[in-house]
Amino acid sequence: MVTKRKVILITDGDEYAKRAVEHVAKEIGGRCISMSQGNPSRYTGLELVELIKKAKYDPVLVMFDDSGFIGEGSGEQAMKVVAGHPDIDVLGVIAVASKTRREEWTKVDICIDRDGNLTPNGVDKYGAEEFEQGKITGDTVYCIDQLHVPIVVGIGDIGKMSHQDDFKRGAPITKLAVEIILERSGHDDFRKTSKHDTDSE
């Protein structure tokens, strides 16, 4: 029987996100699929599944990006394939806010603002709290409601948020989002164990 890989899906894939996610993966003793970086995503869902299977440790952090494409772009297509694959156990999704040409949004369970505060309200790309509860607007979030994942955490633009999430500062907002997903999914033991050799894939 194949052991399912524990995966966290992240709806951002630019260079800032890559640096932040790589840093957080090392901090929690997991792996970042660095090759999933791309704006828009360059790899298909099945190609990413193969990369995930080759990762040395769980949890595996994977990035997806539509680069503002309206509707279901390459990032979302790949994300749906990864999330639905029988060898993948999705622990949660980090839904990243952005300014889109049209309103593409998803429901979220909780958000984190740029100061690290948890809120039931949405946040914008700068990590500022908005007024509407349980909803976030972004360019790679259109299909998240269809994935039926355990938890969706909304945050601002990874690695940015007015420098509050800069990887040089430890990407604290992204790290907190990952930790919440691990805790809520019952897999917070990952970050309690000793750190592995966690060079990115």
N, C-alpha and C. Protein backbone atom coordinates (compact mmCIF):
# COMPACT_ATOMS: atom_id res chain seq x y z
N MET A 1 0.84 -1.19 0.00
CA MET A 1 0.00 0.00 0.00
C MET A 1 0.89 1.26 0.00
N VAL A 2 0.56 2.22 -0.85
CA VAL A 2 1.33 3.44 -0.97
C VAL A 2 1.01 4.38 0.19
N THR A 3 2.05 4.88 0.82
CA THR A 3 1.87 5.87 1.88
C THR A 3 1.60 7.23 1.25
N LYS A 4 0.49 7.83 1.62
CA LYS A 4 0.16 9.13 1.05
C LYS A 4 1.11 10.20 1.56
N ARG A 5 1.53 11.08 0.67
CA ARG A 5 2.39 12.19 1.05
C ARG A 5 1.55 13.33 1.61
N LYS A 6 2.04 13.92 2.68
CA LYS A 6 1.35 15.02 3.36
C LYS A 6 1.76 16.33 2.70
N VAL A 7 0.77 17.04 2.15
CA VAL A 7 1.07 18.19 1.29
C VAL A 7 0.26 19.41 1.72
N ILE A 8 0.91 20.57 1.65
CA ILE A 8 0.23 21.86 1.83
C ILE A 8 0.30 22.61 0.51
N LEU A 9 -0.85 23.04 0.01
CA LEU A 9 -0.94 23.75 -1.26
C LEU A 9 -0.90 25.26 -1.00
N ILE A 10 -0.14 25.99 -1.82
CA ILE A 10 0.05 27.43 -1.63
C ILE A 10 -0.23 28.14 -2.95
N THR A 11 -1.13 29.11 -2.94
CA THR A 11 -1.58 29.72 -4.20
C THR A 11 -0.77 30.96 -4.56
N ASP A 12 0.53 30.80 -4.62
CA ASP A 12 1.42 31.87 -5.07
C ASP A 12 2.71 31.21 -5.54
N GLY A 13 3.33 31.78 -6.57
CA GLY A 13 4.51 31.11 -7.10
C GLY A 13 5.57 32.05 -7.65
N ASP A 14 5.55 33.32 -7.23
CA ASP A 14 6.59 34.21 -7.73
C ASP A 14 7.89 34.03 -6.93
N GLU A 15 8.90 34.79 -7.27
CA GLU A 15 10.21 34.61 -6.63
C GLU A 15 10.17 34.93 -5.14
N TYR A 16 9.38 35.93 -4.76
CA TYR A 16 9.26 36.27 -3.34
C TYR A 16 8.64 35.10 -2.56
N ALA A 17 7.60 34.50 -3.15
CA ALA A 17 6.95 33.36 -2.51
C ALA A 17 7.92 32.18 -2.39
N LYS A 18 8.67 31.94 -3.44
CA LYS A 18 9.63 30.83 -3.43
C LYS A 18 10.61 30.96 -2.27
N ARG A 19 11.19 32.14 -2.11
CA ARG A 19 12.15 32.33 -1.03
C ARG A 19 11.51 32.13 0.34
N ALA A 20 10.31 32.67 0.50
CA ALA A 20 9.62 32.54 1.78
C ALA A 20 9.25 31.08 2.07
N VAL A 21 8.71 30.39 1.08
CA VAL A 21 8.27 29.01 1.29
C VAL A 21 9.46 28.09 1.51
N GLU A 22 10.54 28.30 0.80
CA GLU A 22 11.75 27.51 1.03
C GLU A 22 12.24 27.67 2.47
N HIS A 23 12.23 28.91 2.94
CA HIS A 23 12.69 29.19 4.31
C HIS A 23 11.79 28.48 5.33
N VAL A 24 10.48 28.59 5.15
CA VAL A 24 9.55 27.98 6.09
C VAL A 24 9.67 26.46 6.07
N ALA A 25 9.84 25.87 4.91
CA ALA A 25 10.00 24.42 4.82
C ALA A 25 11.19 23.95 5.66
N LYS A 26 12.28 24.68 5.60
CA LYS A 26 13.45 24.33 6.40
C LYS A 26 13.15 24.48 7.89
N GLU A 27 12.43 25.54 8.23
CA GLU A 27 12.13 25.80 9.64
C GLU A 27 11.29 24.69 10.26
N ILE A 28 10.37 24.13 9.49
CA ILE A 28 9.46 23.12 10.05
C ILE A 28 9.95 21.70 9.82
N GLY A 29 11.10 21.55 9.14
CA GLY A 29 11.62 20.22 8.88
C GLY A 29 10.92 19.51 7.75
N GLY A 30 10.36 20.26 6.81
CA GLY A 30 9.69 19.67 5.66
C GLY A 30 10.44 19.92 4.38
N ARG A 31 9.72 19.91 3.28
CA ARG A 31 10.32 20.15 1.96
C ARG A 31 9.48 21.13 1.17
N CYS A 32 10.16 21.96 0.40
CA CYS A 32 9.51 22.83 -0.57
C CYS A 32 9.85 22.31 -1.96
N ILE A 33 8.84 22.14 -2.80
CA ILE A 33 9.10 21.79 -4.19
C ILE A 33 9.43 23.09 -4.93
N SER A 34 10.71 23.45 -4.92
CA SER A 34 11.12 24.72 -5.51
C SER A 34 10.78 24.80 -6.99
N MET A 35 10.77 23.65 -7.66
CA MET A 35 10.45 23.65 -9.09
C MET A 35 8.99 24.00 -9.36
N SER A 36 8.16 24.02 -8.32
CA SER A 36 6.76 24.42 -8.52
C SER A 36 6.64 25.93 -8.64
N GLN A 37 7.74 26.65 -8.37
CA GLN A 37 7.72 28.10 -8.52
C GLN A 37 7.53 28.46 -9.99
N GLY A 38 6.75 29.48 -10.24
CA GLY A 38 6.51 29.93 -11.60
C GLY A 38 5.33 30.88 -11.62
N ASN A 39 5.39 31.87 -12.47
CA ASN A 39 4.32 32.86 -12.53
C ASN A 39 4.00 33.12 -14.01
N PRO A 40 3.17 32.27 -14.63
CA PRO A 40 2.31 31.24 -14.04
C PRO A 40 3.04 29.90 -13.84
N SER A 41 2.31 28.95 -13.23
CA SER A 41 2.85 27.61 -13.02
C SER A 41 3.25 26.96 -14.33
N ARG A 42 4.39 26.27 -14.32
CA ARG A 42 4.93 25.69 -15.55
C ARG A 42 4.74 24.18 -15.63
N TYR A 43 4.46 23.54 -14.51
CA TYR A 43 4.38 22.08 -14.49
C TYR A 43 2.92 21.62 -14.36
N THR A 44 2.63 20.49 -14.94
CA THR A 44 1.29 19.92 -14.82
C THR A 44 1.12 19.29 -13.45
N GLY A 45 -0.11 18.99 -13.11
CA GLY A 45 -0.38 18.36 -11.83
C GLY A 45 0.32 17.03 -11.68
N LEU A 46 0.32 16.21 -12.72
CA LEU A 46 0.96 14.89 -12.63
C LEU A 46 2.48 15.02 -12.50
N GLU A 47 3.06 16.01 -13.16
CA GLU A 47 4.50 16.24 -13.01
C GLU A 47 4.83 16.65 -11.57
N LEU A 48 3.97 17.46 -10.98
CA LEU A 48 4.20 17.88 -9.61
C LEU A 48 4.02 16.72 -8.63
N VAL A 49 3.06 15.85 -8.91
CA VAL A 49 2.88 14.67 -8.06
C VAL A 49 4.16 13.83 -8.02
N GLU A 50 4.78 13.66 -9.17
CA GLU A 50 6.03 12.89 -9.22
C GLU A 50 7.13 13.57 -8.42
N LEU A 51 7.20 14.90 -8.48
CA LEU A 51 8.19 15.63 -7.68
C LEU A 51 7.90 15.50 -6.19
N ILE A 52 6.63 15.55 -5.84
CA ILE A 52 6.24 15.39 -4.43
C ILE A 52 6.65 14.03 -3.91
N LYS A 53 6.43 13.00 -4.71
CA LYS A 53 6.77 11.64 -4.28
C LYS A 53 8.27 11.47 -4.05
N LYS A 54 9.08 12.27 -4.74
CA LYS A 54 10.53 12.17 -4.61
C LYS A 54 11.08 12.97 -3.43
N ALA A 55 10.24 13.82 -2.84
CA ALA A 55 10.68 14.62 -1.69
C ALA A 55 11.05 13.70 -0.53
N LYS A 56 12.09 14.07 0.20
CA LYS A 56 12.59 13.19 1.27
C LYS A 56 11.70 13.17 2.49
N TYR A 57 11.07 14.30 2.79
CA TYR A 57 10.32 14.42 4.03
C TYR A 57 8.98 15.09 3.81
N ASP A 58 8.06 14.79 4.72
CA ASP A 58 6.79 15.50 4.81
C ASP A 58 6.90 16.53 5.95
N PRO A 59 6.07 17.57 5.94
CA PRO A 59 5.11 17.93 4.90
C PRO A 59 5.81 18.55 3.69
N VAL A 60 5.16 18.44 2.55
CA VAL A 60 5.69 18.98 1.30
C VAL A 60 4.89 20.22 0.93
N LEU A 61 5.58 21.33 0.74
CA LEU A 61 4.94 22.60 0.40
C LEU A 61 5.06 22.82 -1.11
N VAL A 62 3.91 23.04 -1.76
CA VAL A 62 3.88 23.14 -3.21
C VAL A 62 3.17 24.43 -3.61
N MET A 63 3.78 25.15 -4.58
CA MET A 63 3.25 26.45 -5.02
C MET A 63 2.49 26.32 -6.35
N PHE A 64 1.46 27.13 -6.48
CA PHE A 64 0.65 27.19 -7.70
C PHE A 64 0.33 28.65 -8.01
N ASP A 65 0.37 29.03 -9.29
CA ASP A 65 0.17 30.43 -9.64
C ASP A 65 -0.47 30.55 -11.02
N ASP A 66 -1.52 31.36 -11.11
CA ASP A 66 -2.20 31.61 -12.40
C ASP A 66 -1.73 32.89 -13.07
N SER A 67 -0.93 33.70 -12.37
CA SER A 67 -0.44 34.97 -12.91
C SER A 67 -1.57 35.86 -13.42
N GLY A 68 -2.66 35.90 -12.65
CA GLY A 68 -3.76 36.79 -12.98
C GLY A 68 -4.71 36.29 -14.06
N PHE A 69 -4.52 35.05 -14.54
CA PHE A 69 -5.40 34.50 -15.57
C PHE A 69 -6.82 34.42 -15.02
N ILE A 70 -7.78 34.89 -15.80
CA ILE A 70 -9.18 34.88 -15.37
C ILE A 70 -9.76 33.48 -15.55
N GLY A 71 -10.42 32.98 -14.51
CA GLY A 71 -10.96 31.63 -14.58
C GLY A 71 -9.92 30.62 -14.15
N GLU A 72 -10.02 29.42 -14.67
CA GLU A 72 -9.14 28.33 -14.27
C GLU A 72 -7.88 28.32 -15.12
N GLY A 73 -6.80 28.83 -14.58
CA GLY A 73 -5.53 28.87 -15.29
C GLY A 73 -4.68 27.65 -15.01
N SER A 74 -3.42 27.69 -15.44
CA SER A 74 -2.54 26.53 -15.31
C SER A 74 -2.28 26.15 -13.86
N GLY A 75 -2.18 27.16 -12.98
CA GLY A 75 -1.94 26.86 -11.58
C GLY A 75 -3.10 26.11 -10.95
N GLU A 76 -4.30 26.56 -11.23
CA GLU A 76 -5.47 25.89 -10.66
C GLU A 76 -5.68 24.51 -11.26
N GLN A 77 -5.43 24.36 -12.54
CA GLN A 77 -5.55 23.04 -13.15
C GLN A 77 -4.60 22.05 -12.50
N ALA A 78 -3.37 22.48 -12.28
CA ALA A 78 -2.38 21.62 -11.62
C ALA A 78 -2.79 21.33 -10.18
N MET A 79 -3.29 22.34 -9.48
CA MET A 79 -3.68 22.17 -8.09
C MET A 79 -4.81 21.14 -7.94
N LYS A 80 -5.77 21.17 -8.84
CA LYS A 80 -6.87 20.22 -8.78
C LYS A 80 -6.38 18.79 -8.97
N VAL A 81 -5.43 18.61 -9.89
CA VAL A 81 -4.89 17.26 -10.13
C VAL A 81 -4.13 16.76 -8.91
N VAL A 82 -3.29 17.63 -8.33
CA VAL A 82 -2.52 17.24 -7.15
C VAL A 82 -3.46 16.91 -5.99
N ALA A 83 -4.43 17.78 -5.75
CA ALA A 83 -5.34 17.58 -4.62
C ALA A 83 -6.18 16.32 -4.76
N GLY A 84 -6.49 15.94 -5.99
CA GLY A 84 -7.33 14.78 -6.22
C GLY A 84 -6.58 13.48 -6.40
N HIS A 85 -5.26 13.52 -6.35
CA HIS A 85 -4.47 12.32 -6.62
C HIS A 85 -4.53 11.36 -5.43
N PRO A 86 -4.69 10.07 -5.68
CA PRO A 86 -4.84 9.10 -4.58
C PRO A 86 -3.62 8.96 -3.69
N ASP A 87 -2.45 9.39 -4.15
CA ASP A 87 -1.23 9.27 -3.35
C ASP A 87 -0.93 10.53 -2.54
N ILE A 88 -1.83 11.51 -2.61
CA ILE A 88 -1.62 12.80 -1.94
C ILE A 88 -2.67 13.02 -0.85
N ASP A 89 -2.21 13.42 0.32
CA ASP A 89 -3.08 13.80 1.43
C ASP A 89 -2.89 15.29 1.66
N VAL A 90 -3.85 16.10 1.24
CA VAL A 90 -3.75 17.55 1.39
C VAL A 90 -4.12 17.94 2.82
N LEU A 91 -3.18 18.49 3.54
CA LEU A 91 -3.42 18.91 4.91
C LEU A 91 -4.17 20.24 4.96
N GLY A 92 -3.98 21.08 3.95
CA GLY A 92 -4.63 22.37 3.91
C GLY A 92 -4.12 23.22 2.78
N VAL A 93 -4.74 24.38 2.62
CA VAL A 93 -4.37 25.32 1.56
C VAL A 93 -4.08 26.67 2.18
N ILE A 94 -2.99 27.31 1.72
CA ILE A 94 -2.75 28.71 2.04
C ILE A 94 -3.23 29.52 0.84
N ALA A 95 -4.32 30.24 1.02
CA ALA A 95 -4.92 31.04 -0.06
C ALA A 95 -4.37 32.46 0.02
N VAL A 96 -3.72 32.88 -1.06
CA VAL A 96 -3.00 34.15 -1.07
C VAL A 96 -3.83 35.22 -1.78
N ALA A 97 -4.00 36.34 -1.10
CA ALA A 97 -4.79 37.45 -1.66
C ALA A 97 -4.01 38.18 -2.74
N SER A 98 -4.73 38.71 -3.71
CA SER A 98 -4.11 39.54 -4.75
C SER A 98 -5.17 40.46 -5.33
N LYS A 99 -4.71 41.42 -6.13
CA LYS A 99 -5.64 42.25 -6.88
C LYS A 99 -5.90 41.58 -8.20
N THR A 100 -7.13 41.23 -8.48
CA THR A 100 -7.46 40.57 -9.73
C THR A 100 -8.30 41.51 -10.59
N ARG A 101 -8.27 41.25 -11.90
CA ARG A 101 -9.04 42.09 -12.81
C ARG A 101 -10.54 41.88 -12.61
N ARG A 102 -10.89 40.68 -12.16
CA ARG A 102 -12.28 40.41 -11.80
C ARG A 102 -12.26 39.80 -10.41
N GLU A 103 -13.43 39.72 -9.82
CA GLU A 103 -13.51 39.19 -8.47
C GLU A 103 -13.49 37.67 -8.49
N GLU A 104 -12.34 37.08 -8.23
CA GLU A 104 -12.23 35.65 -8.01
C GLU A 104 -11.93 35.45 -6.53
N TRP A 105 -12.75 34.66 -5.88
CA TRP A 105 -12.62 34.55 -4.44
C TRP A 105 -12.86 33.13 -3.98
N THR A 106 -12.51 32.87 -2.74
CA THR A 106 -12.76 31.58 -2.13
C THR A 106 -13.14 31.77 -0.67
N LYS A 107 -13.83 30.80 -0.13
CA LYS A 107 -14.11 30.79 1.31
C LYS A 107 -12.84 30.37 2.06
N VAL A 108 -12.61 30.98 3.20
CA VAL A 108 -11.48 30.62 4.04
C VAL A 108 -11.98 30.33 5.45
N ASP A 109 -11.23 29.50 6.16
CA ASP A 109 -11.61 29.18 7.54
C ASP A 109 -11.10 30.23 8.52
N ILE A 110 -9.93 30.80 8.21
CA ILE A 110 -9.34 31.82 9.05
C ILE A 110 -8.32 32.59 8.22
N CYS A 111 -8.04 33.82 8.60
CA CYS A 111 -7.01 34.61 7.93
C CYS A 111 -6.00 35.11 8.95
N ILE A 112 -4.83 35.49 8.44
CA ILE A 112 -3.78 36.08 9.27
C ILE A 112 -3.43 37.43 8.65
N ASP A 113 -3.49 38.49 9.43
CA ASP A 113 -3.11 39.80 8.88
C ASP A 113 -1.59 39.97 8.92
N ARG A 114 -1.10 41.08 8.41
CA ARG A 114 0.35 41.26 8.27
C ARG A 114 1.07 41.42 9.61
N ASP A 115 0.29 41.64 10.69
CA ASP A 115 0.88 41.74 12.02
C ASP A 115 0.84 40.41 12.76
N GLY A 116 0.36 39.36 12.08
CA GLY A 116 0.32 38.04 12.69
C GLY A 116 -0.92 37.78 13.52
N ASN A 117 -1.93 38.64 13.39
CA ASN A 117 -3.18 38.44 14.13
C ASN A 117 -4.12 37.54 13.35
N LEU A 118 -4.77 36.63 14.05
CA LEU A 118 -5.79 35.78 13.43
C LEU A 118 -7.11 36.53 13.37
N THR A 119 -7.81 36.38 12.27
CA THR A 119 -9.09 37.07 12.10
C THR A 119 -10.04 36.23 11.27
N PRO A 120 -11.35 36.29 11.58
CA PRO A 120 -12.33 35.61 10.73
C PRO A 120 -12.59 36.37 9.44
N ASN A 121 -12.13 37.63 9.37
CA ASN A 121 -12.33 38.45 8.18
C ASN A 121 -11.26 38.16 7.14
N GLY A 122 -11.53 38.53 5.89
CA GLY A 122 -10.54 38.39 4.85
C GLY A 122 -9.43 39.41 5.02
N VAL A 123 -8.36 39.24 4.25
CA VAL A 123 -7.27 40.21 4.19
C VAL A 123 -6.99 40.52 2.73
N ASP A 124 -6.37 41.69 2.48
CA ASP A 124 -6.00 42.03 1.11
C ASP A 124 -4.55 41.62 0.84
N LYS A 125 -4.03 41.93 -0.33
CA LYS A 125 -2.69 41.48 -0.70
C LYS A 125 -1.61 42.06 0.19
N TYR A 126 -1.92 43.18 0.86
CA TYR A 126 -0.96 43.80 1.76
C TYR A 126 -1.06 43.24 3.18
N GLY A 127 -1.98 42.30 3.36
CA GLY A 127 -2.16 41.71 4.68
C GLY A 127 -3.02 42.55 5.60
N ALA A 128 -3.70 43.56 5.05
CA ALA A 128 -4.59 44.40 5.85
C ALA A 128 -5.96 43.73 5.95
N GLU A 129 -6.53 43.77 7.14
CA GLU A 129 -7.83 43.12 7.37
C GLU A 129 -8.93 43.82 6.59
N GLU A 130 -9.82 43.02 6.00
CA GLU A 130 -10.98 43.55 5.30
C GLU A 130 -12.23 43.36 6.14
N PHE A 131 -13.37 43.76 5.61
CA PHE A 131 -14.58 43.76 6.42
C PHE A 131 -15.44 42.52 6.24
N GLU A 132 -15.25 41.80 5.14
CA GLU A 132 -16.10 40.64 4.88
C GLU A 132 -15.52 39.39 5.52
N GLN A 133 -16.36 38.64 6.21
CA GLN A 133 -15.91 37.44 6.89
C GLN A 133 -15.78 36.25 5.95
N GLY A 134 -14.79 35.41 6.23
CA GLY A 134 -14.68 34.10 5.60
C GLY A 134 -14.47 34.09 4.11
N LYS A 135 -13.84 35.13 3.56
CA LYS A 135 -13.70 35.24 2.11
C LYS A 135 -12.41 35.98 1.77
N ILE A 136 -11.73 35.51 0.72
CA ILE A 136 -10.52 36.17 0.27
C ILE A 136 -10.52 36.23 -1.25
N THR A 137 -10.00 37.32 -1.81
CA THR A 137 -9.94 37.50 -3.25
C THR A 137 -8.51 37.27 -3.73
N GLY A 138 -8.35 36.45 -4.77
CA GLY A 138 -7.02 36.17 -5.29
C GLY A 138 -7.09 35.66 -6.72
N ASP A 139 -5.94 35.41 -7.34
CA ASP A 139 -5.97 35.01 -8.75
C ASP A 139 -5.76 33.51 -8.96
N THR A 140 -5.53 32.74 -7.88
CA THR A 140 -5.38 31.29 -8.04
C THR A 140 -6.23 30.58 -6.99
N VAL A 141 -7.39 31.15 -6.69
CA VAL A 141 -8.23 30.62 -5.62
C VAL A 141 -9.59 30.11 -6.12
N TYR A 142 -9.81 30.25 -7.42
CA TYR A 142 -11.12 29.98 -8.01
C TYR A 142 -11.64 28.58 -7.69
N CYS A 143 -10.75 27.58 -7.64
CA CYS A 143 -11.18 26.19 -7.51
C CYS A 143 -11.07 25.64 -6.10
N ILE A 144 -10.61 26.44 -5.14
CA ILE A 144 -10.34 25.89 -3.81
C ILE A 144 -11.58 25.29 -3.17
N ASP A 145 -12.74 25.92 -3.35
CA ASP A 145 -13.97 25.40 -2.76
C ASP A 145 -14.30 24.00 -3.24
N GLN A 146 -13.80 23.65 -4.42
CA GLN A 146 -14.09 22.32 -4.98
C GLN A 146 -13.18 21.23 -4.42
N LEU A 147 -12.13 21.61 -3.72
CA LEU A 147 -11.12 20.64 -3.31
C LEU A 147 -11.46 19.91 -2.02
N HIS A 148 -12.34 20.48 -1.20
CA HIS A 148 -12.79 19.85 0.05
C HIS A 148 -11.61 19.49 0.96
N VAL A 149 -10.75 20.48 1.19
CA VAL A 149 -9.58 20.28 2.05
C VAL A 149 -9.96 20.56 3.50
N PRO A 150 -9.15 20.07 4.46
CA PRO A 150 -9.51 20.24 5.87
C PRO A 150 -9.56 21.69 6.34
N ILE A 151 -8.64 22.54 5.84
CA ILE A 151 -8.60 23.92 6.29
C ILE A 151 -7.99 24.80 5.20
N VAL A 152 -8.54 26.02 5.07
CA VAL A 152 -8.00 27.03 4.16
C VAL A 152 -7.64 28.25 4.99
N VAL A 153 -6.37 28.64 4.93
CA VAL A 153 -5.88 29.81 5.67
C VAL A 153 -5.57 30.92 4.66
N GLY A 154 -6.17 32.09 4.85
CA GLY A 154 -5.95 33.21 3.96
C GLY A 154 -4.87 34.15 4.49
N ILE A 155 -3.97 34.59 3.61
CA ILE A 155 -2.95 35.56 3.99
C ILE A 155 -2.74 36.53 2.82
N GLY A 156 -1.95 37.58 3.07
CA GLY A 156 -1.59 38.52 2.02
C GLY A 156 -0.51 37.94 1.12
N ASP A 157 0.07 38.81 0.32
CA ASP A 157 1.05 38.38 -0.68
C ASP A 157 2.31 37.82 0.00
N ILE A 158 2.59 36.55 -0.23
CA ILE A 158 3.69 35.86 0.46
C ILE A 158 5.03 36.53 0.18
N GLY A 159 5.82 36.66 1.25
CA GLY A 159 7.14 37.25 1.12
C GLY A 159 7.13 38.76 1.05
N LYS A 160 5.94 39.35 1.08
CA LYS A 160 5.82 40.80 0.94
C LYS A 160 5.06 41.38 2.14
N MET A 161 3.83 41.79 1.92
CA MET A 161 3.00 42.40 2.98
C MET A 161 3.73 43.55 3.67
N SER A 162 4.18 44.52 2.88
CA SER A 162 4.91 45.67 3.40
C SER A 162 6.14 45.23 4.19
N HIS A 163 6.82 44.22 3.66
CA HIS A 163 8.05 43.64 4.23
C HIS A 163 7.82 42.85 5.51
N GLN A 164 6.59 42.74 5.96
CA GLN A 164 6.31 42.01 7.20
C GLN A 164 6.53 40.51 7.03
N ASP A 165 6.48 40.01 5.80
CA ASP A 165 6.66 38.57 5.57
C ASP A 165 7.93 38.29 4.78
N ASP A 166 8.85 39.21 4.76
CA ASP A 166 10.11 39.04 4.04
C ASP A 166 10.85 37.79 4.54
N PHE A 167 11.39 37.02 3.62
CA PHE A 167 12.09 35.79 4.03
C PHE A 167 13.29 36.11 4.92
N LYS A 168 13.87 37.30 4.77
CA LYS A 168 15.00 37.69 5.61
C LYS A 168 14.57 37.89 7.06
N ARG A 169 13.28 38.08 7.26
CA ARG A 169 12.74 38.20 8.61
C ARG A 169 12.15 36.88 9.08
N GLY A 170 12.32 35.84 8.26
CA GLY A 170 11.82 34.52 8.62
C GLY A 170 10.45 34.20 8.07
N ALA A 171 9.92 35.05 7.18
CA ALA A 171 8.58 34.84 6.60
C ALA A 171 7.58 34.43 7.69
N PRO A 172 7.42 35.26 8.74
CA PRO A 172 6.62 34.83 9.90
C PRO A 172 5.14 34.60 9.62
N ILE A 173 4.57 35.33 8.67
CA ILE A 173 3.14 35.14 8.38
C ILE A 173 2.93 33.81 7.66
N THR A 174 3.76 33.54 6.68
CA THR A 174 3.67 32.25 5.97
C THR A 174 3.93 31.09 6.93
N LYS A 175 4.92 31.25 7.79
CA LYS A 175 5.23 30.18 8.75
C LYS A 175 4.06 29.92 9.68
N LEU A 176 3.42 30.99 10.16
CA LEU A 176 2.27 30.81 11.04
C LEU A 176 1.13 30.10 10.33
N ALA A 177 0.91 30.44 9.05
CA ALA A 177 -0.14 29.78 8.28
C ALA A 177 0.13 28.28 8.17
N VAL A 178 1.38 27.92 7.91
CA VAL A 178 1.75 26.50 7.82
C VAL A 178 1.56 25.83 9.17
N GLU A 179 1.96 26.48 10.23
CA GLU A 179 1.82 25.88 11.56
C GLU A 179 0.36 25.67 11.94
N ILE A 180 -0.49 26.61 11.57
CA ILE A 180 -1.93 26.45 11.85
C ILE A 180 -2.48 25.24 11.12
N ILE A 181 -2.09 25.08 9.85
CA ILE A 181 -2.56 23.93 9.07
C ILE A 181 -2.07 22.63 9.71
N LEU A 182 -0.82 22.58 10.12
CA LEU A 182 -0.29 21.37 10.74
C LEU A 182 -1.01 21.06 12.04
N GLU A 183 -1.27 22.10 12.83
CA GLU A 183 -1.95 21.89 14.10
C GLU A 183 -3.40 21.46 13.90
N ARG A 184 -4.11 22.11 13.01
CA ARG A 184 -5.52 21.79 12.79
C ARG A 184 -5.70 20.42 12.15
N SER A 185 -4.70 19.98 11.39
CA SER A 185 -4.81 18.67 10.73
C SER A 185 -4.30 17.54 11.61
N GLY A 186 -3.81 17.90 12.80
CA GLY A 186 -3.31 16.87 13.70
C GLY A 186 -1.91 16.40 13.37
N HIS A 187 -1.20 17.16 12.54
CA HIS A 187 0.16 16.78 12.15
C HIS A 187 1.20 17.76 12.66
N ASP A 188 0.93 18.44 13.78
CA ASP A 188 1.90 19.39 14.29
C ASP A 188 3.13 18.69 14.87
N ASP A 189 3.10 17.34 14.93
CA ASP A 189 4.28 16.61 15.38
C ASP A 189 5.45 16.80 14.41
N PHE A 190 5.15 17.18 13.16
CA PHE A 190 6.23 17.42 12.20
C PHE A 190 7.20 18.47 12.74
N ARG A 191 6.67 19.55 13.29
CA ARG A 191 7.54 20.65 13.71
C ARG A 191 8.08 20.46 15.11
N LYS A 192 7.63 19.40 15.81
CA LYS A 192 8.16 19.11 17.14
C LYS A 192 9.37 18.18 17.07
N THR A 193 9.50 17.47 15.96
CA THR A 193 10.62 16.57 15.81
C THR A 193 11.86 17.35 15.39
N SER A 194 13.02 16.72 15.51
CA SER A 194 14.24 17.40 15.12
C SER A 194 14.25 17.70 13.64
N LYS A 195 14.87 18.82 13.26
CA LYS A 195 14.89 19.24 11.87
C LYS A 195 15.78 18.32 11.05
N HIS A 196 15.30 17.98 9.85
CA HIS A 196 16.07 17.15 8.92
C HIS A 196 17.03 18.03 8.12
N ASP A 197 17.80 17.38 7.30
CA ASP A 197 18.52 18.11 6.25
C ASP A 197 17.48 18.52 5.24
N THR A 198 17.10 19.80 5.22
CA THR A 198 15.92 20.22 4.47
C THR A 198 16.24 21.11 3.29
N ASP A 199 17.30 20.83 2.58
CA ASP A 199 17.53 21.55 1.34
C ASP A 199 16.34 21.33 0.43
N SER A 200 15.93 22.36 -0.28
CA SER A 200 14.74 22.27 -1.13
C SER A 200 14.97 21.32 -2.28
N GLU A 201 13.84 20.77 -2.76
CA GLU A 201 13.91 19.84 -3.90
C GLU A 201 14.19 20.59 -5.17
